[in-house]
Structures are given as structure tokens and as C-alpha cells.
């Protein structure tokens, strides 16, 4: 998806300069930034899931006992 949007569609629609105008270091920094964002997003999502999921499971168990 990164390649399709950042490397393909963004320059085509004129939102950024053509890829050949950007230095390789800038391209590498962009890829690293996307990877870091994805990793942090995954860690936060997993942490929130672990915090919320036990409460949901306990509520479901309580409901099944009272049926």
C-alpha cells in the first residue's frame, strides 16, 4: 500500500514532487517512518485489546450464568 500511494498516486495527483526529484535518503526516511508508525500503532492496539478484552469476557460470563 505504501508503494501504491506514496510512490505512485501522490506524485501522479501532484501532491508531491516526482520520485526521481527526492533523494534516496528522503525515500528511506519515509519508509522508516511508515514502518515505525505501523509498529507503534500495532503495539497500542494490542495493549488496548488486552486491557479491554478481559472486562468484555467477564461481562459475557456473567450474562451466561444468569440465563
Protein backbone atom coordinates (compact mmCIF):
# COMPACT_ATOMS: atom_id res chain seq x y z
CA UNK A 1 0.00 0.00 0.00
CA UNK A 2 2.90 2.33 0.77
CA UNK A 3 4.26 1.83 -2.73
CA UNK A 4 0.91 2.38 -4.38
CA UNK A 5 0.03 5.58 -2.54
CA UNK A 6 3.30 7.28 -1.60
CA UNK A 7 5.30 6.23 -4.61
CA UNK A 8 2.53 6.11 -7.18
CA UNK A 9 -0.62 8.11 -6.62
CA UNK A 10 0.75 11.03 -4.59
CA UNK A 11 3.10 12.22 -7.37
CA UNK A 12 0.52 11.48 -10.07
CA UNK A 13 -2.04 13.79 -8.44
CA UNK A 14 0.59 16.45 -7.82
CA UNK A 15 0.63 16.25 -4.02
CA UNK A 16 4.40 15.69 -4.04
CA UNK A 17 7.33 16.02 -6.39
CA UNK A 18 8.08 13.13 -8.73
CA UNK A 19 10.00 10.33 -7.03
CA UNK A 20 13.17 10.98 -9.03
CA UNK A 21 13.29 14.53 -7.57
CA UNK A 22 13.59 13.23 -4.00
CA UNK A 23 16.95 11.98 -2.69
CA UNK A 24 17.22 8.31 -1.74
CA UNK A 25 17.71 9.30 1.92
CA UNK A 26 14.35 11.08 1.90
CA UNK A 27 12.68 8.00 0.43
CA UNK A 28 14.32 5.77 3.05
CA UNK A 29 13.27 8.12 5.85
CA UNK A 30 9.68 7.99 4.61
CA UNK A 31 9.66 4.18 4.55
CA UNK A 32 11.21 4.06 8.04
CA UNK A 33 8.59 6.50 9.31
CA UNK A 34 5.76 4.38 7.93
CA UNK A 35 7.23 1.22 9.46
CA UNK A 36 7.64 2.90 12.85
CA UNK A 37 4.09 4.28 12.72
CA UNK A 38 2.75 0.81 11.90
CA UNK A 39 4.70 -0.83 14.72
CA UNK A 40 3.59 1.74 17.32
CA UNK A 41 0.00 1.50 16.09
CA UNK A 42 0.08 -2.30 16.42
CA UNK A 43 1.54 -2.12 19.95
CA UNK A 44 -1.04 0.41 21.16
CA UNK A 45 -3.89 -1.57 19.61
CA UNK A 46 -2.66 -4.79 21.21
CA UNK A 47 -2.28 -3.11 24.62
CA UNK A 48 -5.79 -1.65 24.45
CA UNK A 49 -7.19 -5.00 23.37
CA UNK A 50 -5.56 -6.71 26.35
CA UNK A 51 -6.92 -4.08 28.73
CA UNK A 52 -10.48 -4.16 27.39
CA UNK A 53 -10.89 -7.82 26.44
CA UNK A 54 -10.83 -9.30 29.99
CA UNK A 55 -13.65 -6.93 31.00
CA UNK A 56 -15.72 -7.95 27.99
CA UNK A 57 -15.12 -11.64 28.67
CA UNK A 58 -16.11 -11.24 32.35
CA UNK A 59 -19.32 -9.46 31.35
CA UNK A 60 -20.17 -12.22 28.87
CA UNK A 61 -19.55 -14.90 31.52
CA UNK A 62 -21.78 -13.06 34.00
CA UNK A 63 -24.57 -12.83 31.44
CA UNK A 64 -24.35 -16.53 30.59
CA UNK A 65 -24.59 -17.50 34.29
CA UNK A 66 -27.79 -15.52 34.77
CA UNK A 67 -29.59 -17.11 31.81
